[in-house]
Amino acid sequence: MSAPTITPTNGTDRAALLRAAQGKPAAPTQRVPMGIRVIAGPGAAPARTEVPSGPAARPPRTLEQLLTLAQGSEAARTRQLAEKISGLVEELTGRLEAELAAATLRLAEKEAELAAELAALRQKMGTGPKGTAQRAAIRQWAQANGYEVAERGRIPRNVLQAWAAATGSEVTR
């Protein structure tokens, strides 16, 4: 295995270059200078890649920033593209808002349908034979335990709660 060949490109000290070539970290306060190329011999670990420069190294920009820059450009074609893209963004925004409004309307309609179905089911729950038998049992328990309950009609909430606590049951309606 041969020693790595180090080619300084900006006149840095050899000790820093040697540490970088050997893969040893530089001191925390000392940064490895930019522009160092490390060329390793056969069998050596691959060298670290350099930080890209050019368009890939620029921080990402928002659409608004790009359009502002393009609208202020000296090139007519760039300004035309910025204007076209601005129009497309406005159209897209309008379409998305319309889709959201339609989805909200469909959701409200479904919610109303479900509320109607729930009301119908709740009404059915209390009229079946099981509900009738349970209400009769609650009335009998209430009279035996000193509560005043009419033979027909709504059973007061405090009686229902007391019956549920005493029997450990749930009231179906």
N, C-alpha and C. Protein backbone atom coordinates (compact mmCIF):
# COMPACT_ATOMS: atom_id res chain seq x y z
N MET A 1 0.85 -1.16 0.00
CA MET A 1 0.00 0.00 0.00
C MET A 1 0.89 1.22 0.00
N SER A 2 0.62 2.11 -0.89
CA SER A 2 1.46 3.30 -0.98
C SER A 2 0.85 4.43 -0.17
N ALA A 3 1.67 5.38 0.20
CA ALA A 3 1.22 6.53 0.98
C ALA A 3 0.40 7.44 0.06
N PRO A 4 -0.58 8.10 0.63
CA PRO A 4 -1.38 9.00 -0.20
C PRO A 4 -0.56 10.18 -0.70
N THR A 5 -0.89 10.60 -1.88
CA THR A 5 -0.23 11.75 -2.47
C THR A 5 -1.10 12.97 -2.20
N ILE A 6 -0.48 14.00 -1.62
CA ILE A 6 -1.22 15.19 -1.27
C ILE A 6 -0.74 16.33 -2.15
N THR A 7 -1.69 17.01 -2.75
CA THR A 7 -1.34 18.12 -3.61
C THR A 7 -1.95 19.39 -3.04
N PRO A 8 -1.15 20.25 -2.37
CA PRO A 8 -1.72 21.49 -1.85
C PRO A 8 -2.03 22.44 -3.00
N THR A 9 -3.21 23.01 -2.96
CA THR A 9 -3.59 23.93 -4.05
C THR A 9 -3.58 25.38 -3.61
N ASN A 10 -3.48 25.61 -2.30
CA ASN A 10 -3.50 27.02 -1.87
C ASN A 10 -2.44 27.33 -0.83
N GLY A 11 -1.35 26.58 -0.79
CA GLY A 11 -0.22 26.89 0.07
C GLY A 11 -0.47 26.65 1.55
N THR A 12 -1.22 25.64 1.93
CA THR A 12 -1.48 25.37 3.34
C THR A 12 -0.35 24.56 3.94
N ASP A 13 -0.35 24.44 5.28
CA ASP A 13 0.76 23.72 5.90
C ASP A 13 0.61 22.22 5.68
N ARG A 14 1.72 21.51 5.59
CA ARG A 14 1.76 20.10 5.26
C ARG A 14 1.17 19.22 6.37
N ALA A 15 1.28 19.61 7.63
CA ALA A 15 0.77 18.80 8.74
C ALA A 15 -0.75 18.67 8.65
N ALA A 16 -1.42 19.76 8.34
CA ALA A 16 -2.87 19.72 8.20
C ALA A 16 -3.27 18.86 7.02
N LEU A 17 -2.51 18.96 5.93
CA LEU A 17 -2.80 18.14 4.76
C LEU A 17 -2.59 16.66 5.05
N LEU A 18 -1.55 16.33 5.79
CA LEU A 18 -1.26 14.94 6.12
C LEU A 18 -2.36 14.37 7.02
N ARG A 19 -2.81 15.14 8.04
CA ARG A 19 -3.91 14.67 8.90
C ARG A 19 -5.16 14.44 8.08
N ALA A 20 -5.47 15.33 7.15
CA ALA A 20 -6.66 15.19 6.32
C ALA A 20 -6.54 13.95 5.43
N ALA A 21 -5.36 13.70 4.90
CA ALA A 21 -5.16 12.55 4.02
C ALA A 21 -5.28 11.24 4.79
N GLN A 22 -4.88 11.23 6.04
CA GLN A 22 -4.95 10.03 6.86
C GLN A 22 -6.33 9.84 7.46
N GLY A 23 -7.22 10.76 7.24
CA GLY A 23 -8.58 10.65 7.76
C GLY A 23 -8.71 11.04 9.21
N LYS A 24 -7.69 11.65 9.77
CA LYS A 24 -7.76 12.11 11.15
C LYS A 24 -8.45 13.46 11.18
N PRO A 25 -9.32 13.66 12.15
CA PRO A 25 -10.01 14.96 12.19
C PRO A 25 -9.05 16.07 12.56
N ALA A 26 -9.32 17.22 12.02
CA ALA A 26 -8.53 18.39 12.37
C ALA A 26 -8.93 18.84 13.77
N ALA A 27 -8.11 19.63 14.38
CA ALA A 27 -8.44 20.16 15.71
C ALA A 27 -9.76 20.94 15.60
N PRO A 28 -10.57 20.94 16.68
CA PRO A 28 -11.87 21.60 16.59
C PRO A 28 -11.81 23.05 16.14
N THR A 29 -10.78 23.76 16.53
CA THR A 29 -10.68 25.16 16.14
C THR A 29 -10.03 25.32 14.78
N GLN A 30 -9.42 24.25 14.29
CA GLN A 30 -8.70 24.34 13.03
C GLN A 30 -9.54 23.70 11.93
N ARG A 31 -9.78 24.41 10.88
CA ARG A 31 -10.56 23.87 9.77
C ARG A 31 -9.61 23.46 8.66
N VAL A 32 -10.00 22.41 7.94
CA VAL A 32 -9.21 21.98 6.80
C VAL A 32 -9.45 22.99 5.69
N PRO A 33 -8.41 23.55 5.15
CA PRO A 33 -8.57 24.58 4.12
C PRO A 33 -9.27 24.02 2.88
N MET A 34 -10.02 24.89 2.24
CA MET A 34 -10.71 24.48 1.02
C MET A 34 -9.70 24.32 -0.10
N GLY A 35 -10.04 23.48 -1.04
CA GLY A 35 -9.19 23.31 -2.21
C GLY A 35 -8.17 22.21 -2.05
N ILE A 36 -8.21 21.42 -0.98
CA ILE A 36 -7.25 20.34 -0.80
C ILE A 36 -7.73 19.14 -1.60
N ARG A 37 -6.85 18.60 -2.39
CA ARG A 37 -7.17 17.38 -3.11
C ARG A 37 -6.34 16.27 -2.51
N VAL A 38 -6.99 15.18 -2.10
CA VAL A 38 -6.29 14.03 -1.56
C VAL A 38 -6.41 12.92 -2.57
N ILE A 39 -5.28 12.47 -3.06
CA ILE A 39 -5.26 11.39 -4.04
C ILE A 39 -4.64 10.19 -3.35
N ALA A 40 -5.40 9.12 -3.15
CA ALA A 40 -4.94 7.95 -2.43
C ALA A 40 -4.45 6.90 -3.41
N GLY A 41 -3.56 6.06 -2.94
CA GLY A 41 -3.04 4.97 -3.75
C GLY A 41 -3.99 3.79 -3.75
N PRO A 42 -3.62 2.72 -4.42
CA PRO A 42 -4.48 1.55 -4.49
C PRO A 42 -4.72 0.94 -3.11
N GLY A 43 -5.95 0.53 -2.85
CA GLY A 43 -6.29 -0.11 -1.59
C GLY A 43 -6.59 0.86 -0.46
N ALA A 44 -6.38 2.13 -0.66
CA ALA A 44 -6.63 3.11 0.39
C ALA A 44 -8.12 3.45 0.41
N ALA A 45 -8.57 3.92 1.53
CA ALA A 45 -9.97 4.31 1.66
C ALA A 45 -10.25 5.48 0.73
N PRO A 46 -11.44 5.55 0.20
CA PRO A 46 -11.76 6.68 -0.70
C PRO A 46 -11.67 8.01 0.04
N ALA A 47 -11.18 8.99 -0.64
CA ALA A 47 -11.01 10.32 -0.05
C ALA A 47 -12.37 11.00 0.08
N ARG A 48 -12.43 11.95 0.95
CA ARG A 48 -13.66 12.73 1.12
C ARG A 48 -13.89 13.56 -0.12
N THR A 49 -15.15 13.70 -0.46
CA THR A 49 -15.47 14.50 -1.63
C THR A 49 -15.47 15.97 -1.25
N GLU A 50 -15.16 16.80 -2.20
CA GLU A 50 -15.14 18.24 -1.95
C GLU A 50 -16.56 18.77 -1.88
N VAL A 51 -16.74 19.87 -1.21
CA VAL A 51 -18.05 20.51 -1.13
C VAL A 51 -18.36 21.07 -2.50
N PRO A 52 -19.54 20.78 -3.04
CA PRO A 52 -19.86 21.26 -4.39
C PRO A 52 -19.97 22.78 -4.42
N SER A 53 -19.55 23.31 -5.51
CA SER A 53 -19.70 24.75 -5.70
C SER A 53 -20.54 24.95 -6.96
N GLY A 54 -21.04 26.13 -7.14
CA GLY A 54 -21.88 26.39 -8.29
C GLY A 54 -23.35 26.34 -7.91
N PRO A 55 -24.23 26.05 -8.87
CA PRO A 55 -25.67 26.09 -8.62
C PRO A 55 -26.12 25.12 -7.52
N ALA A 56 -25.48 23.94 -7.41
CA ALA A 56 -25.91 22.95 -6.40
C ALA A 56 -25.57 23.41 -4.99
N ALA A 57 -24.61 24.29 -4.83
CA ALA A 57 -24.19 24.73 -3.50
C ALA A 57 -25.05 25.88 -2.98
N ARG A 58 -25.84 26.52 -3.84
CA ARG A 58 -26.68 27.63 -3.40
C ARG A 58 -27.81 27.15 -2.50
N PRO A 59 -28.19 27.94 -1.51
CA PRO A 59 -29.33 27.54 -0.68
C PRO A 59 -30.61 27.59 -1.50
N PRO A 60 -31.55 26.71 -1.20
CA PRO A 60 -32.80 26.72 -1.97
C PRO A 60 -33.57 28.02 -1.75
N ARG A 61 -34.26 28.44 -2.78
CA ARG A 61 -35.05 29.67 -2.71
C ARG A 61 -36.51 29.32 -2.83
N THR A 62 -37.35 30.19 -2.30
CA THR A 62 -38.78 29.98 -2.42
C THR A 62 -39.23 30.44 -3.80
N LEU A 63 -40.42 30.03 -4.18
CA LEU A 63 -40.97 30.42 -5.47
C LEU A 63 -41.10 31.94 -5.57
N GLU A 64 -41.54 32.56 -4.48
CA GLU A 64 -41.70 34.01 -4.49
C GLU A 64 -40.36 34.71 -4.73
N GLN A 65 -39.30 34.21 -4.09
CA GLN A 65 -37.98 34.82 -4.27
C GLN A 65 -37.53 34.67 -5.72
N LEU A 66 -37.73 33.48 -6.29
CA LEU A 66 -37.33 33.27 -7.69
C LEU A 66 -38.11 34.18 -8.63
N LEU A 67 -39.41 34.31 -8.41
CA LEU A 67 -40.22 35.16 -9.29
C LEU A 67 -39.82 36.62 -9.17
N THR A 68 -39.52 37.06 -7.95
CA THR A 68 -39.09 38.44 -7.75
C THR A 68 -37.78 38.70 -8.49
N LEU A 69 -36.85 37.75 -8.37
CA LEU A 69 -35.57 37.91 -9.07
C LEU A 69 -35.77 37.90 -10.59
N ALA A 70 -36.63 37.00 -11.07
CA ALA A 70 -36.84 36.88 -12.52
C ALA A 70 -37.56 38.11 -13.07
N GLN A 71 -38.49 38.67 -12.31
CA GLN A 71 -39.21 39.86 -12.79
C GLN A 71 -38.30 41.08 -12.87
N GLY A 72 -37.23 41.08 -12.07
CA GLY A 72 -36.29 42.18 -12.11
C GLY A 72 -35.12 41.93 -13.05
N SER A 73 -35.17 40.85 -13.81
CA SER A 73 -34.07 40.49 -14.70
C SER A 73 -33.99 41.44 -15.89
N GLU A 74 -32.78 41.52 -16.46
CA GLU A 74 -32.59 42.34 -17.65
C GLU A 74 -33.04 41.60 -18.90
N ALA A 75 -33.07 40.26 -18.85
CA ALA A 75 -33.45 39.46 -20.02
C ALA A 75 -34.96 39.43 -20.16
N ALA A 76 -35.44 39.78 -21.35
CA ALA A 76 -36.88 39.83 -21.61
C ALA A 76 -37.51 38.45 -21.47
N ARG A 77 -36.83 37.41 -21.95
CA ARG A 77 -37.39 36.06 -21.88
C ARG A 77 -37.57 35.62 -20.41
N THR A 78 -36.63 35.99 -19.55
CA THR A 78 -36.74 35.64 -18.13
C THR A 78 -37.94 36.35 -17.51
N ARG A 79 -38.14 37.63 -17.86
CA ARG A 79 -39.30 38.35 -17.34
C ARG A 79 -40.60 37.74 -17.86
N GLN A 80 -40.63 37.33 -19.15
CA GLN A 80 -41.82 36.69 -19.71
C GLN A 80 -42.14 35.38 -18.99
N LEU A 81 -41.11 34.59 -18.73
CA LEU A 81 -41.33 33.33 -18.02
C LEU A 81 -41.84 33.58 -16.61
N ALA A 82 -41.29 34.60 -15.95
CA ALA A 82 -41.75 34.92 -14.59
C ALA A 82 -43.22 35.32 -14.61
N GLU A 83 -43.61 36.10 -15.62
CA GLU A 83 -45.01 36.52 -15.74
C GLU A 83 -45.92 35.31 -16.00
N LYS A 84 -45.48 34.41 -16.89
CA LYS A 84 -46.26 33.22 -17.20
C LYS A 84 -46.39 32.33 -15.96
N ILE A 85 -45.30 32.13 -15.24
CA ILE A 85 -45.33 31.28 -14.04
C ILE A 85 -46.20 31.91 -12.97
N SER A 86 -46.14 33.23 -12.83
CA SER A 86 -47.01 33.91 -11.86
C SER A 86 -48.48 33.66 -12.18
N GLY A 87 -48.84 33.73 -13.46
CA GLY A 87 -50.21 33.47 -13.87
C GLY A 87 -50.61 32.03 -13.59
N LEU A 88 -49.70 31.10 -13.86
CA LEU A 88 -49.99 29.68 -13.60
C LEU A 88 -50.15 29.41 -12.11
N VAL A 89 -49.33 30.07 -11.29
CA VAL A 89 -49.44 29.89 -9.84
C VAL A 89 -50.78 30.43 -9.35
N GLU A 90 -51.21 31.57 -9.87
CA GLU A 90 -52.52 32.12 -9.49
C GLU A 90 -53.65 31.18 -9.91
N GLU A 91 -53.56 30.62 -11.12
CA GLU A 91 -54.58 29.68 -11.58
C GLU A 91 -54.60 28.43 -10.71
N LEU A 92 -53.44 27.92 -10.39
CA LEU A 92 -53.34 26.73 -9.54
C LEU A 92 -53.92 27.01 -8.16
N THR A 93 -53.61 28.17 -7.61
CA THR A 93 -54.15 28.53 -6.31
C THR A 93 -55.68 28.59 -6.35
N GLY A 94 -56.23 29.19 -7.40
CA GLY A 94 -57.67 29.27 -7.55
C GLY A 94 -58.32 27.89 -7.67
N ARG A 95 -57.68 27.02 -8.46
CA ARG A 95 -58.22 25.66 -8.61
C ARG A 95 -58.20 24.91 -7.28
N LEU A 96 -57.10 25.02 -6.54
CA LEU A 96 -57.00 24.32 -5.26
C LEU A 96 -58.02 24.85 -4.26
N GLU A 97 -58.24 26.16 -4.26
CA GLU A 97 -59.25 26.73 -3.36
C GLU A 97 -60.64 26.25 -3.74
N ALA A 98 -60.92 26.14 -5.04
CA ALA A 98 -62.23 25.64 -5.49
C ALA A 98 -62.40 24.17 -5.09
N GLU A 99 -61.35 23.37 -5.24
CA GLU A 99 -61.42 21.97 -4.83
C GLU A 99 -61.64 21.85 -3.33
N LEU A 100 -60.99 22.70 -2.56
CA LEU A 100 -61.17 22.68 -1.11
C LEU A 100 -62.60 23.05 -0.73
N ALA A 101 -63.15 24.05 -1.41
CA ALA A 101 -64.53 24.45 -1.13
C ALA A 101 -65.50 23.32 -1.47
N ALA A 102 -65.26 22.64 -2.61
CA ALA A 102 -66.13 21.53 -3.00
C ALA A 102 -66.02 20.38 -2.00
N ALA A 103 -64.80 20.09 -1.56
CA ALA A 103 -64.61 19.01 -0.59
C ALA A 103 -65.27 19.36 0.74
N THR A 104 -65.21 20.62 1.13
CA THR A 104 -65.85 21.06 2.37
C THR A 104 -67.36 20.91 2.27
N LEU A 105 -67.92 21.24 1.11
CA LEU A 105 -69.36 21.10 0.88
C LEU A 105 -69.78 19.62 0.93
N ARG A 106 -69.00 18.75 0.27
CA ARG A 106 -69.30 17.32 0.31
C ARG A 106 -69.22 16.79 1.73
N LEU A 107 -68.25 17.25 2.48
CA LEU A 107 -68.09 16.82 3.87
C LEU A 107 -69.29 17.26 4.71
N ALA A 108 -69.76 18.48 4.50
CA ALA A 108 -70.93 18.96 5.25
C ALA A 108 -72.18 18.15 4.89
N GLU A 109 -72.33 17.80 3.62
CA GLU A 109 -73.47 16.97 3.21
C GLU A 109 -73.41 15.60 3.86
N LYS A 110 -72.25 14.97 3.85
CA LYS A 110 -72.09 13.65 4.48
C LYS A 110 -72.35 13.74 5.98
N GLU A 111 -71.88 14.81 6.59
CA GLU A 111 -72.09 15.00 8.03
C GLU A 111 -73.59 15.11 8.34
N ALA A 112 -74.33 15.82 7.49
CA ALA A 112 -75.78 15.94 7.69
C ALA A 112 -76.47 14.59 7.52
N GLU A 113 -76.04 13.81 6.50
CA GLU A 113 -76.61 12.47 6.29
C GLU A 113 -76.36 11.58 7.51
N LEU A 114 -75.13 11.60 8.00
CA LEU A 114 -74.79 10.77 9.16
C LEU A 114 -75.55 11.21 10.41
N ALA A 115 -75.74 12.50 10.58
CA ALA A 115 -76.49 12.99 11.73
C ALA A 115 -77.94 12.51 11.66
N ALA A 116 -78.53 12.50 10.46
CA ALA A 116 -79.90 12.02 10.30
C ALA A 116 -79.99 10.53 10.59
N GLU A 117 -79.00 9.76 10.08
CA GLU A 117 -78.98 8.32 10.36
C GLU A 117 -78.81 8.05 11.85
N LEU A 118 -77.95 8.81 12.50
CA LEU A 118 -77.72 8.64 13.93
C LEU A 118 -78.99 8.94 14.72
N ALA A 119 -79.70 9.99 14.34
CA ALA A 119 -80.95 10.32 15.04
C ALA A 119 -81.97 9.20 14.87
N ALA A 120 -82.05 8.64 13.66
CA ALA A 120 -82.99 7.53 13.42
C ALA A 120 -82.61 6.31 14.25
N LEU A 121 -81.32 6.01 14.31
CA LEU A 121 -80.87 4.86 15.11
C LEU A 121 -81.11 5.08 16.60
N ARG A 122 -80.89 6.28 17.06
CA ARG A 122 -81.12 6.56 18.48
C ARG A 122 -82.59 6.40 18.83
N GLN A 123 -83.44 6.80 17.91
CA GLN A 123 -84.88 6.67 18.16
C GLN A 123 -85.27 5.20 18.19
N LYS A 124 -84.68 4.41 17.30
CA LYS A 124 -84.98 2.99 17.27
C LYS A 124 -84.52 2.27 18.53
N MET A 125 -83.39 2.69 19.07
CA MET A 125 -82.79 1.98 20.21
C MET A 125 -83.72 1.91 21.41
N GLY A 126 -84.45 2.92 21.67
CA GLY A 126 -85.28 2.95 22.87
C GLY A 126 -86.64 2.32 22.70
N THR A 127 -87.04 1.92 21.49
CA THR A 127 -88.40 1.43 21.28
C THR A 127 -88.49 -0.08 21.18
N GLY A 128 -87.38 -0.77 21.16
CA GLY A 128 -87.41 -2.23 21.00
C GLY A 128 -87.78 -2.94 22.29
N PRO A 129 -87.95 -4.26 22.21
CA PRO A 129 -88.34 -5.03 23.39
C PRO A 129 -87.29 -4.97 24.50
N LYS A 130 -86.02 -4.91 24.13
CA LYS A 130 -84.98 -4.84 25.16
C LYS A 130 -85.05 -3.53 25.92
N GLY A 131 -85.27 -2.43 25.20
CA GLY A 131 -85.39 -1.12 25.84
C GLY A 131 -86.60 -1.05 26.75
N THR A 132 -87.71 -1.63 26.29
CA THR A 132 -88.94 -1.64 27.10
C THR A 132 -88.74 -2.44 28.38
N ALA A 133 -88.10 -3.60 28.27
CA ALA A 133 -87.84 -4.44 29.44
C ALA A 133 -86.90 -3.74 30.42
N GLN A 134 -85.89 -3.05 29.88
CA GLN A 134 -84.94 -2.36 30.75
C GLN A 134 -85.64 -1.20 31.48
N ARG A 135 -86.46 -0.45 30.77
CA ARG A 135 -87.16 0.64 31.43
C ARG A 135 -88.10 0.13 32.52
N ALA A 136 -88.75 -1.00 32.26
CA ALA A 136 -89.63 -1.59 33.28
C ALA A 136 -88.81 -2.00 34.51
N ALA A 137 -87.63 -2.57 34.29
CA ALA A 137 -86.77 -2.98 35.41
C ALA A 137 -86.30 -1.76 36.20
N ILE A 138 -85.97 -0.67 35.49
CA ILE A 138 -85.52 0.55 36.17
C ILE A 138 -86.66 1.12 37.02
N ARG A 139 -87.89 1.17 36.48
CA ARG A 139 -89.04 1.67 37.23
C ARG A 139 -89.29 0.83 38.49
N GLN A 140 -89.20 -0.50 38.34
CA GLN A 140 -89.44 -1.39 39.47
C GLN A 140 -88.37 -1.16 40.55
N TRP A 141 -87.10 -1.04 40.13
CA TRP A 141 -86.00 -0.81 41.08
C TRP A 141 -86.19 0.54 41.78
N ALA A 142 -86.56 1.57 41.00
CA ALA A 142 -86.71 2.92 41.55
C ALA A 142 -87.81 2.94 42.62
N GLN A 143 -88.96 2.29 42.36
CA GLN A 143 -90.05 2.27 43.34
C GLN A 143 -89.64 1.49 44.58
N ALA A 144 -88.87 0.41 44.40
CA ALA A 144 -88.42 -0.39 45.54
C ALA A 144 -87.41 0.37 46.39
N ASN A 145 -86.70 1.33 45.80
CA ASN A 145 -85.67 2.07 46.52
C ASN A 145 -86.11 3.49 46.88
N GLY A 146 -87.39 3.78 46.82
CA GLY A 146 -87.89 5.05 47.32
C GLY A 146 -87.91 6.20 46.33
N TYR A 147 -87.68 5.96 45.06
CA TYR A 147 -87.75 7.02 44.05
C TYR A 147 -89.17 7.09 43.51
N GLU A 148 -89.64 8.30 43.24
CA GLU A 148 -90.96 8.47 42.63
C GLU A 148 -90.79 8.47 41.12
N VAL A 149 -91.43 7.49 40.47
CA VAL A 149 -91.33 7.36 39.02
C VAL A 149 -92.73 7.09 38.49
N ALA A 150 -93.10 7.80 37.42
CA ALA A 150 -94.41 7.59 36.80
C ALA A 150 -94.42 6.26 36.06
N GLU A 151 -95.60 5.73 35.85
CA GLU A 151 -95.73 4.45 35.14
C GLU A 151 -95.40 4.60 33.66
N ARG A 152 -95.57 5.79 33.13
CA ARG A 152 -95.28 6.04 31.72
C ARG A 152 -94.45 7.31 31.62
N GLY A 153 -93.81 7.48 30.49
CA GLY A 153 -93.06 8.71 30.24
C GLY A 153 -91.57 8.57 30.54
N ARG A 154 -90.95 9.71 30.59
CA ARG A 154 -89.51 9.77 30.75
C ARG A 154 -89.10 9.49 32.18
N ILE A 155 -88.02 8.70 32.30
CA ILE A 155 -87.47 8.41 33.62
C ILE A 155 -86.45 9.50 33.94
N PRO A 156 -86.52 10.14 35.11
CA PRO A 156 -85.58 11.22 35.43
C PRO A 156 -84.12 10.74 35.40
N ARG A 157 -83.26 11.66 35.06
CA ARG A 157 -81.83 11.35 34.92
C ARG A 157 -81.23 10.87 36.23
N ASN A 158 -81.59 11.50 37.35
CA ASN A 158 -81.00 11.09 38.62
C ASN A 158 -81.37 9.65 38.97
N VAL A 159 -82.55 9.20 38.56
CA VAL A 159 -82.97 7.81 38.79
C VAL A 159 -82.15 6.88 37.91
N LEU A 160 -81.96 7.27 36.66
CA LEU A 160 -81.16 6.45 35.74
C LEU A 160 -79.73 6.30 36.25
N GLN A 161 -79.15 7.42 36.72
CA GLN A 161 -77.77 7.38 37.22
C GLN A 161 -77.68 6.53 38.49
N ALA A 162 -78.65 6.64 39.36
CA ALA A 162 -78.64 5.84 40.58
C ALA A 162 -78.78 4.36 40.25
N TRP A 163 -79.66 4.01 39.32
CA TRP A 163 -79.84 2.62 38.91
C TRP A 163 -78.56 2.07 38.29
N ALA A 164 -77.92 2.87 37.42
CA ALA A 164 -76.68 2.43 36.77
C ALA A 164 -75.59 2.21 37.80
N ALA A 165 -75.51 3.10 38.81
CA ALA A 165 -74.48 2.95 39.85
C ALA A 165 -74.77 1.73 40.72
N ALA A 166 -76.03 1.48 41.02
CA ALA A 166 -76.39 0.36 41.90
C ALA A 166 -76.22 -0.99 41.20
N THR A 167 -76.54 -1.05 39.94
CA THR A 167 -76.51 -2.35 39.25
C THR A 167 -75.24 -2.55 38.41
N GLY A 168 -74.50 -1.48 38.18
CA GLY A 168 -73.29 -1.59 37.33
C GLY A 168 -73.64 -1.78 35.87
N SER A 169 -74.86 -1.44 35.51
CA SER A 169 -75.30 -1.58 34.12
C SER A 169 -75.30 -0.22 33.43
N GLU A 170 -75.45 -0.29 32.12
CA GLU A 170 -75.59 0.94 31.34
C GLU A 170 -77.01 1.05 30.84
N VAL A 171 -77.49 2.25 30.73
CA VAL A 171 -78.83 2.48 30.23
C VAL A 171 -78.73 2.59 28.72
N THR A 172 -79.53 1.78 27.99
CA THR A 172 -79.48 1.85 26.55
C THR A 172 -80.16 3.08 26.00
N ARG A 173 -81.17 3.57 26.72
CA ARG A 173 -81.81 4.83 26.33
C ARG A 173 -82.59 5.36 27.49
